[in-house]
Protein backbone atom coordinates (compact mmCIF):
# COMPACT_ATOMS: atom_id res chain seq x y z
CA UNK A 1 119.18 123.11 132.25
CA UNK A 2 116.10 124.28 130.43
CA UNK A 3 116.64 124.55 126.88
CA UNK A 4 115.85 128.20 125.30
CA UNK A 5 116.70 127.38 121.73
CA UNK A 6 115.33 130.83 119.73
CA UNK A 7 113.44 132.08 122.22
CA UNK A 8 113.98 135.77 122.50
CA UNK A 9 113.99 136.71 126.48
CA UNK A 10 113.67 140.28 127.65
CA UNK A 11 115.78 140.03 131.21
CA UNK A 12 115.23 143.24 133.56
CA UNK A 13 117.49 143.75 136.40
CA UNK A 14 116.63 146.18 138.98
CA UNK A 15 118.96 147.50 142.00
CA UNK A 16 119.72 144.67 144.91
CA UNK A 17 122.54 143.51 145.62
CA UNK A 18 121.87 140.11 144.17
CA UNK A 19 122.29 142.33 141.01
CA UNK A 20 125.43 140.63 140.35
CA UNK A 21 123.80 137.11 140.03
CA UNK A 22 121.60 138.38 137.48
CA UNK A 23 124.88 137.81 134.97
CA UNK A 24 124.99 134.50 134.97
CA UNK A 25 121.33 134.33 134.21
CA UNK A 26 121.96 136.28 131.16
CA UNK A 27 125.02 134.16 130.48
CA UNK A 28 122.60 130.80 131.22
CA UNK A 29 120.46 131.58 128.65
CA UNK A 30 122.67 132.76 126.17
CA UNK A 31 124.23 129.18 126.37
CA UNK A 32 121.05 127.52 126.33
CA UNK A 33 120.12 129.28 123.07
CA UNK A 34 118.34 132.44 123.73
CA UNK A 35 118.25 135.64 122.34
CA UNK A 36 118.65 138.40 125.14
CA UNK A 37 118.13 141.69 125.32
CA UNK A 38 118.64 143.18 129.19
CA UNK A 39 117.05 146.55 130.74
CA UNK A 40 118.97 147.67 133.62
CA UNK A 41 117.03 150.53 136.21
CA UNK A 42 119.26 152.85 137.05
CA UNK A 43 119.91 151.57 140.46
CA UNK A 44 121.30 148.33 139.05
CA UNK A 45 123.69 150.38 137.13
CA UNK A 46 125.28 151.50 140.28
CA UNK A 47 125.68 147.70 141.20
CA UNK A 48 127.20 146.15 137.96
CA UNK A 49 128.18 147.89 134.93
CA UNK A 50 125.91 147.48 131.73
CA UNK A 51 129.40 145.93 129.42
CA UNK A 52 129.49 142.92 132.02
CA UNK A 53 125.74 141.95 130.65
CA UNK A 54 127.21 143.28 126.98
CA UNK A 55 129.77 141.01 126.63
CA UNK A 56 128.12 137.86 127.57
CA UNK A 57 124.56 138.66 125.00
CA UNK A 58 126.80 140.66 122.25
CA UNK A 59 123.93 143.28 122.40
CA UNK A 60 123.29 146.38 123.44
CA UNK A 61 122.30 146.88 126.97
CA UNK A 62 119.38 148.99 127.40
CA UNK A 63 119.37 151.51 130.48
CA UNK A 64 117.81 155.14 129.57
CA UNK A 65 114.39 155.64 128.23
CA UNK A 66 115.24 158.33 126.44
CA UNK A 67 118.82 158.08 124.55
CA UNK A 68 119.34 157.38 120.65
CA UNK A 69 120.05 153.84 120.57
CA UNK A 70 116.46 153.39 122.04
CA UNK A 71 114.95 153.80 118.87
CA UNK A 72 114.93 150.62 116.70
CA UNK A 73 112.69 149.89 113.34
CA UNK A 74 110.90 153.31 113.85
CA UNK A 75 109.21 152.40 117.05
CA UNK A 76 110.25 153.27 120.38
CA UNK A 77 112.68 150.79 121.89
CA UNK A 78 110.88 149.48 125.14
CA UNK A 79 107.46 148.89 122.58
CA UNK A 80 109.66 146.82 120.01
CA UNK A 81 111.82 144.86 122.62
CA UNK A 82 108.13 144.02 124.41
CA UNK A 83 106.18 142.85 120.89
CA UNK A 84 109.36 140.90 120.02
CA UNK A 85 109.62 138.86 123.17
CA UNK A 86 108.35 135.36 123.68
CA UNK A 87 108.76 136.40 127.82
CA UNK A 88 110.53 139.36 130.49
CA UNK A 89 112.57 138.17 133.17
CA UNK A 90 113.09 140.11 136.12
CA UNK A 91 115.78 139.23 138.19
CA UNK A 92 116.05 140.78 140.52
CA UNK A 93 113.39 142.46 141.36
CA UNK A 94 113.42 144.61 144.14
CA UNK A 95 109.99 146.05 146.06
CA UNK A 96 110.05 148.56 144.34
CA UNK A 97 109.92 147.75 140.84
CA UNK A 98 107.70 145.40 142.10
CA UNK A 99 105.14 148.06 144.11
CA UNK A 100 105.37 149.69 140.36
CA UNK A 101 104.53 147.02 138.31
CA UNK A 102 101.50 146.68 140.35
CA UNK A 103 100.73 149.74 140.03
CA UNK A 104 101.13 150.03 136.59
CA UNK A 105 103.86 152.70 136.86
CA UNK A 106 106.09 153.59 133.96
CA UNK A 107 108.67 155.66 134.33
CA UNK A 108 111.15 153.62 133.13
CA UNK A 109 112.45 151.34 130.33
CA UNK A 110 111.87 148.03 132.41
CA UNK A 111 108.47 149.26 133.43
CA UNK A 112 107.32 150.50 130.33
CA UNK A 113 108.84 147.19 128.73
CA UNK A 114 106.40 145.37 131.06
CA UNK A 115 103.20 147.35 130.48
CA UNK A 116 103.45 147.07 126.95
CA UNK A 117 104.27 143.25 127.18
CA UNK A 118 101.68 140.48 125.91
CA UNK A 119 104.30 137.74 126.83
CA UNK A 120 104.41 136.02 129.79
CA UNK A 121 106.36 137.98 132.76
CA UNK A 122 108.21 135.86 135.45
CA UNK A 123 109.16 137.86 138.11
CA UNK A 124 111.97 136.63 140.91
CA UNK A 125 111.96 138.90 144.02
CA UNK A 126 114.72 139.44 146.22
CA UNK A 127 114.65 141.75 149.61
CA UNK A 128 115.27 141.66 153.09
CA UNK A 129 112.82 139.73 155.28
CA UNK A 130 110.67 142.39 156.44
CA UNK A 131 110.50 143.95 153.10
CA UNK A 132 109.03 141.01 151.87
CA UNK A 133 106.52 140.07 154.29
CA UNK A 134 105.38 143.62 154.53
CA UNK A 135 101.53 144.19 154.07
CA UNK A 136 101.84 146.37 150.97
CA UNK A 137 104.73 143.99 149.27
CA UNK A 138 102.28 141.08 149.42
CA UNK A 139 99.52 143.14 148.09
CA UNK A 140 101.24 143.85 145.35
CA UNK A 141 102.92 140.51 144.98
CA UNK A 142 99.01 139.01 145.05
CA UNK A 143 97.97 141.30 142.32
CA UNK A 144 100.76 140.66 139.93
CA UNK A 145 99.71 136.97 140.75
CA UNK A 146 96.03 137.19 139.71
CA UNK A 147 97.47 139.21 136.80
CA UNK A 148 99.13 136.32 135.50
CA UNK A 149 102.73 137.17 136.43
CA UNK A 150 104.97 134.55 138.12
CA UNK A 151 106.55 134.67 140.96
CA UNK A 152 109.60 132.74 141.81
CA UNK A 153 110.61 132.89 145.72
CA UNK A 154 112.06 134.45 147.46
CA UNK A 155 113.98 131.77 149.13
CA UNK A 156 115.26 131.68 152.43
CA UNK A 157 118.85 132.37 153.27
CA UNK A 158 121.60 134.69 154.50
CA UNK A 159 120.53 138.46 153.50
CA UNK A 160 122.92 141.45 152.86
CA UNK A 161 122.22 142.65 156.39
CA UNK A 162 123.92 139.73 157.49
CA UNK A 163 120.40 137.93 158.98
CA UNK A 164 119.13 134.93 157.78
CA UNK A 165 115.25 134.60 156.31
CA UNK A 166 113.31 134.55 153.69
CA UNK A 167 113.90 137.03 150.92
CA UNK A 168 117.16 135.42 148.93
CA UNK A 169 116.95 135.57 145.53
CA UNK A 170 116.07 132.22 144.12
CA UNK A 171 118.36 129.84 142.67
CA UNK A 172 119.39 130.17 138.86
CA UNK A 173 117.90 127.12 138.02
CA UNK A 174 114.61 127.55 139.78
CA UNK A 175 114.13 130.95 138.46
CA UNK A 176 114.96 129.01 134.35
CA UNK A 177 113.12 126.44 135.53
CA UNK A 178 110.02 128.84 136.06
CA UNK A 179 110.58 130.39 133.21
CA UNK A 180 110.68 127.63 130.60
CA UNK A 181 107.35 126.75 132.33
CA UNK A 182 105.81 130.00 131.61
CA UNK A 183 106.87 129.22 127.69
CA UNK A 184 105.17 125.88 128.00
CA UNK A 185 101.86 125.59 127.30
CA UNK A 186 100.14 124.25 130.69
CA UNK A 187 98.02 121.49 128.92
CA UNK A 188 98.45 118.79 131.84
CA UNK A 189 97.53 121.78 134.46
CA UNK A 190 94.64 120.23 136.93
CA UNK A 191 96.75 116.19 136.09
CA UNK A 192 98.37 113.90 138.50
CA UNK A 193 101.37 112.15 137.12
CA UNK A 194 103.57 109.44 139.00
CA UNK A 195 107.04 108.94 137.40
CA UNK A 196 109.04 106.14 139.07
CA UNK A 197 112.85 106.34 137.97
CA UNK A 198 116.05 104.47 138.42
CA UNK A 199 117.19 101.05 139.24
CA UNK A 200 116.55 99.75 142.71
CA UNK A 201 119.25 97.92 144.56
CA UNK A 202 118.32 94.63 146.66
CA UNK A 203 120.46 94.08 149.76
CA UNK A 204 122.95 91.24 149.81
CA UNK A 205 124.26 92.39 153.43
CA UNK A 206 124.59 95.74 155.23
CA UNK A 207 127.70 96.48 152.50
CA UNK A 208 126.61 94.99 148.88
CA UNK A 209 123.70 94.88 146.78
CA UNK A 210 122.50 93.69 143.32
CA UNK A 211 121.48 96.25 141.23
CA UNK A 212 121.47 97.68 137.79
CA UNK A 213 123.32 100.55 135.26
CA UNK A 214 120.02 102.55 134.97
CA UNK A 215 120.96 106.16 135.59
CA UNK A 216 117.44 107.60 135.82
CA UNK A 217 117.56 110.46 133.98
CA UNK A 218 114.83 109.21 131.62
CA UNK A 219 112.73 109.27 134.81
CA UNK A 220 113.60 112.73 135.72
CA UNK A 221 113.09 113.63 132.32
CA UNK A 222 109.47 113.01 132.18
CA UNK A 223 108.66 114.30 135.64
CA UNK A 224 110.65 117.72 134.75
CA UNK A 225 108.57 117.62 131.32
CA UNK A 226 105.45 117.20 132.96
CA UNK A 227 105.88 119.61 135.71
CA UNK A 228 106.45 122.23 133.50
CA UNK A 229 103.69 121.57 131.55
CA UNK A 230 101.38 122.03 134.50
CA UNK A 231 101.14 118.60 135.66
CA UNK A 232 101.17 117.54 139.97
CA UNK A 233 104.27 115.38 139.68
CA UNK A 234 105.20 112.89 142.03
CA UNK A 235 108.45 110.96 141.45
CA UNK A 236 109.63 107.73 142.97
CA UNK A 237 113.03 107.22 142.30
CA UNK A 238 115.93 104.63 143.13
CA UNK A 239 119.11 105.94 143.91
CA UNK A 240 120.67 108.04 141.62
CA UNK A 241 122.90 111.06 142.89
CA UNK A 242 119.91 113.54 140.55
CA UNK A 243 118.45 116.62 142.10
CA UNK A 244 114.57 116.62 142.29
CA UNK A 245 113.05 118.19 139.42
CA UNK A 246 111.71 121.87 140.36
CA UNK A 247 108.21 121.71 141.26
CA UNK A 248 108.30 117.52 141.85
CA UNK A 249 107.87 116.22 144.85
CA UNK A 250 110.46 113.40 145.33
CA UNK A 251 109.65 110.29 146.92
CA UNK A 252 113.28 108.08 146.95
CA UNK A 253 112.92 104.06 148.06
CA UNK A 254 115.69 101.55 147.50
CA UNK A 255 114.22 98.22 147.07
CA UNK A 256 111.36 96.81 144.74
CA UNK A 257 109.42 96.35 147.76
CA UNK A 258 109.93 99.81 148.53
CA UNK A 259 109.03 100.82 145.22
CA UNK A 260 105.79 99.02 144.98
CA UNK A 261 104.83 100.19 148.47
CA UNK A 262 105.05 104.20 146.88
CA UNK A 263 103.76 103.48 143.58
CA UNK A 264 100.43 101.89 145.54
CA UNK A 265 100.11 104.38 148.08
CA UNK A 266 100.66 107.56 144.95
CA UNK A 267 98.61 106.06 141.91
CA UNK A 268 95.33 105.96 144.70
CA UNK A 269 94.47 109.78 143.18
CA UNK A 270 96.78 109.91 140.22
CA UNK A 271 95.41 110.29 136.35
CA UNK A 272 98.77 108.26 135.06
CA UNK A 273 102.04 106.40 136.22
CA UNK A 274 104.97 106.03 133.77
CA UNK A 275 107.10 103.37 134.98
CA UNK A 276 110.63 104.15 133.43
CA UNK A 277 112.39 103.10 136.86
CA UNK A 278 114.30 99.66 135.97
CA UNK A 279 113.13 97.61 139.37
CA UNK A 280 115.45 94.47 140.10
CA UNK A 281 113.45 91.45 138.59
CA UNK A 282 115.17 89.27 141.54
CA UNK A 283 116.89 89.99 144.71
CA UNK A 284 119.08 88.01 146.94
CA UNK A 285 116.80 85.31 148.90
CA UNK A 286 118.67 86.01 152.34
CA UNK A 287 120.07 88.95 153.41
CA UNK A 288 123.42 88.71 155.82
CA UNK A 289 122.99 90.60 159.03
CA UNK A 290 126.97 91.20 158.70
CA UNK A 291 129.37 92.19 156.03
CA UNK A 292 130.37 88.74 154.42
CA UNK A 293 134.14 88.16 153.94
CA UNK A 294 135.89 87.34 151.51
CA UNK A 295 137.30 83.83 152.05
CA UNK A 296 136.14 80.90 149.75
CA UNK A 297 136.89 81.52 145.75
CA UNK A 298 133.01 81.03 145.12
CA UNK A 299 129.84 82.82 146.87
CA UNK A 300 126.80 81.14 145.76
CA UNK A 301 123.83 83.25 145.85
CA UNK A 302 120.43 81.75 145.33
CA UNK A 303 117.89 85.06 144.23
CA UNK A 304 114.13 85.22 144.02
CA UNK A 305 111.51 86.96 142.86
CA UNK A 306 111.05 90.39 143.39
CA UNK A 307 106.86 91.85 143.58
CA UNK A 308 105.83 92.60 140.05
CA UNK A 309 104.95 96.36 140.18
CA UNK A 310 103.19 96.49 136.89
CA UNK A 311 101.50 93.44 137.43
CA UNK A 312 100.25 95.41 141.27
CA UNK A 313 99.08 98.55 139.96
CA UNK A 314 96.70 96.49 137.55
CA UNK A 315 95.04 94.78 140.18
CA UNK A 316 94.75 97.74 142.44
CA UNK A 317 94.37 100.84 139.72
CA UNK A 318 91.72 103.04 139.53
CA UNK A 319 89.35 103.56 136.26
CA UNK A 320 90.74 105.73 133.93
CA UNK A 321 94.68 105.49 135.31
CA UNK A 322 96.65 105.35 131.91
CA UNK A 323 99.77 103.24 132.56
CA UNK A 324 103.09 103.58 130.67
CA UNK A 325 105.91 100.71 130.92
CA UNK A 326 109.45 100.36 129.18
CA UNK A 327 111.12 97.76 128.06
CA UNK A 328 114.70 97.36 127.58
CA UNK A 329 115.49 94.89 124.86
CA UNK A 330 118.93 93.00 123.89
CA UNK A 331 116.80 90.94 121.24
CA UNK A 332 113.19 91.33 119.38
CA UNK A 333 112.74 94.47 120.55
CA UNK A 334 108.84 95.39 119.15
CA UNK A 335 108.10 91.49 119.95
CA UNK A 336 109.14 91.43 123.21
CA UNK A 337 107.71 95.32 123.98
CA UNK A 338 104.22 94.28 122.64
CA UNK A 339 104.17 90.81 124.25
CA UNK A 340 104.83 92.99 127.90
CA UNK A 341 102.17 95.03 126.92
CA UNK A 342 99.55 92.79 126.94
CA UNK A 343 100.80 90.59 129.44
CA UNK A 344 100.39 93.83 132.10
CA UNK A 345 97.66 95.79 130.35
CA UNK A 346 99.44 98.65 129.79
CA UNK A 347 98.34 101.77 127.06
CA UNK A 348 101.69 102.64 125.94
CA UNK A 349 105.25 101.14 126.28
CA UNK A 350 108.51 102.37 125.48
CA UNK A 351 111.04 100.02 123.31
CA UNK A 352 114.68 100.60 124.22
CA UNK A 353 117.18 98.74 122.56
CA UNK A 354 120.15 97.33 124.75
CA UNK A 355 123.11 98.76 125.32
CA UNK A 356 122.42 101.72 124.08
CA UNK A 357 119.35 102.36 127.02
CA UNK A 358 121.45 103.25 130.00
CA UNK A 359 123.17 106.66 130.36
CA UNK A 360 123.22 107.36 126.67
CA UNK A 361 123.00 111.06 125.82
CA UNK A 362 120.19 110.56 123.39
CA UNK A 363 117.70 107.32 123.36
CA UNK A 364 116.62 105.55 120.07
CA UNK A 365 113.10 104.35 121.27
CA UNK A 366 109.61 102.57 119.82
CA UNK A 367 106.89 103.65 120.97
CA UNK A 368 103.60 100.61 120.83
CA UNK A 369 100.41 101.23 122.09
CA UNK A 370 97.69 99.28 122.99
CA UNK A 371 95.76 99.68 119.49
CA UNK A 372 99.03 97.69 118.11
CA UNK A 373 100.63 101.13 116.60
CA UNK A 374 104.25 101.07 116.39
CA UNK A 375 105.79 104.06 115.83
CA UNK A 376 109.19 104.27 115.63
CA UNK A 377 111.49 107.44 116.21
CA UNK A 378 115.08 109.07 115.24
CA UNK A 379 117.28 109.44 118.17
CA UNK A 380 116.29 112.21 120.59
CA UNK A 381 117.10 113.44 123.64
CA UNK A 382 115.40 112.23 127.18
CA UNK A 383 113.41 115.62 127.10
CA UNK A 384 112.35 115.44 123.83
CA UNK A 385 111.05 112.25 124.11
CA UNK A 386 109.72 112.95 127.27
CA UNK A 387 107.17 115.39 125.45
CA UNK A 388 106.35 113.24 123.02
CA UNK A 389 105.55 110.65 124.82
CA UNK A 390 103.61 113.41 127.26
CA UNK A 391 101.66 114.34 124.04
CA UNK A 392 100.39 110.81 123.68
CA UNK A 393 99.54 110.10 127.21
CA UNK A 394 97.69 113.17 127.08
CA UNK A 395 95.60 112.49 124.15
CA UNK A 396 94.91 109.17 126.38
CA UNK A 397 93.61 111.15 128.98
CA UNK A 398 91.43 113.02 127.07
CA UNK A 399 89.64 110.66 125.94
CA UNK A 400 88.61 109.33 129.28
CA UNK A 401 86.33 110.22 131.94
């Protein structure tokens, strides 16, 4: 889930059958550190009581443009909220609210706040399919998008009428990812990044495989952070069991050979490759066509080398491609990582000590650049490390044609 620590979010809720889902959104925002002020339209109060939001946010819920509590610090409430907010999120947004917002109408607390706001606005529509696809609604949506408003969804699913179609409120995780992106500088917009994640599985028979303990979470964090910063991201991942980050194109592979093929295909038009995957160095020389039965006390196993993906990349990469590698080392961390960087012609390498590398909540990493810079970092979350790494990638991209 996205972190909104210290962010001030105005959550606008209009009168849809999915209004109740906004309570969960408010809860998610508060749990990740946001300060949340909720504005309910008159229709929304007919579906969910303001007390539900107040109990979660521990703040006054705004419903009426003209009531004493709307005055704060000597200013009209909607002006104060608009000036203080880091972002305004409207979820759900009905066809009526979308139309009024596009036309610049201001006949309720939510609309006046939006009209006075200078911060990003994110709108998550929810309505029946015919209302969503109507030319008027689509015209209003296009108008809002032309003004920089982010539209999230709607999705296809079961609707209040009992029919199934487009118009369902987007999932909370999707909405929060869009809100996070709206609050994040889009410094990677127009860039295409390829990220690998997870371990590979090298088949021994139809049931068993040789693998490693990589969770894939580091690569997923890099892909998610890059997408939030505006990049087009292809995430090539081994079997992880993790859901693909919102806004990322996921490419599933299993073996080292499959990952190599996918990487070579994806880097043809990429600006950067970040190889966070823990690719198997060896695979069984022979794969049994049937399950190997338990019998002898020992099972001799001959292993052969798998393709060296970074070595292949060096032979096929386009000029200007920034390549980042990872090195999990149990001894001589910096020396071994620097040796790998030089042998494989990398721009940057992330050195992690084993055994803390796999599955750890925080990562103790050392960044080593081609220019010889060695930067030991304090323990960081994978998300924090991903953004530190992307900052360095961006510097290198900006210095190249």
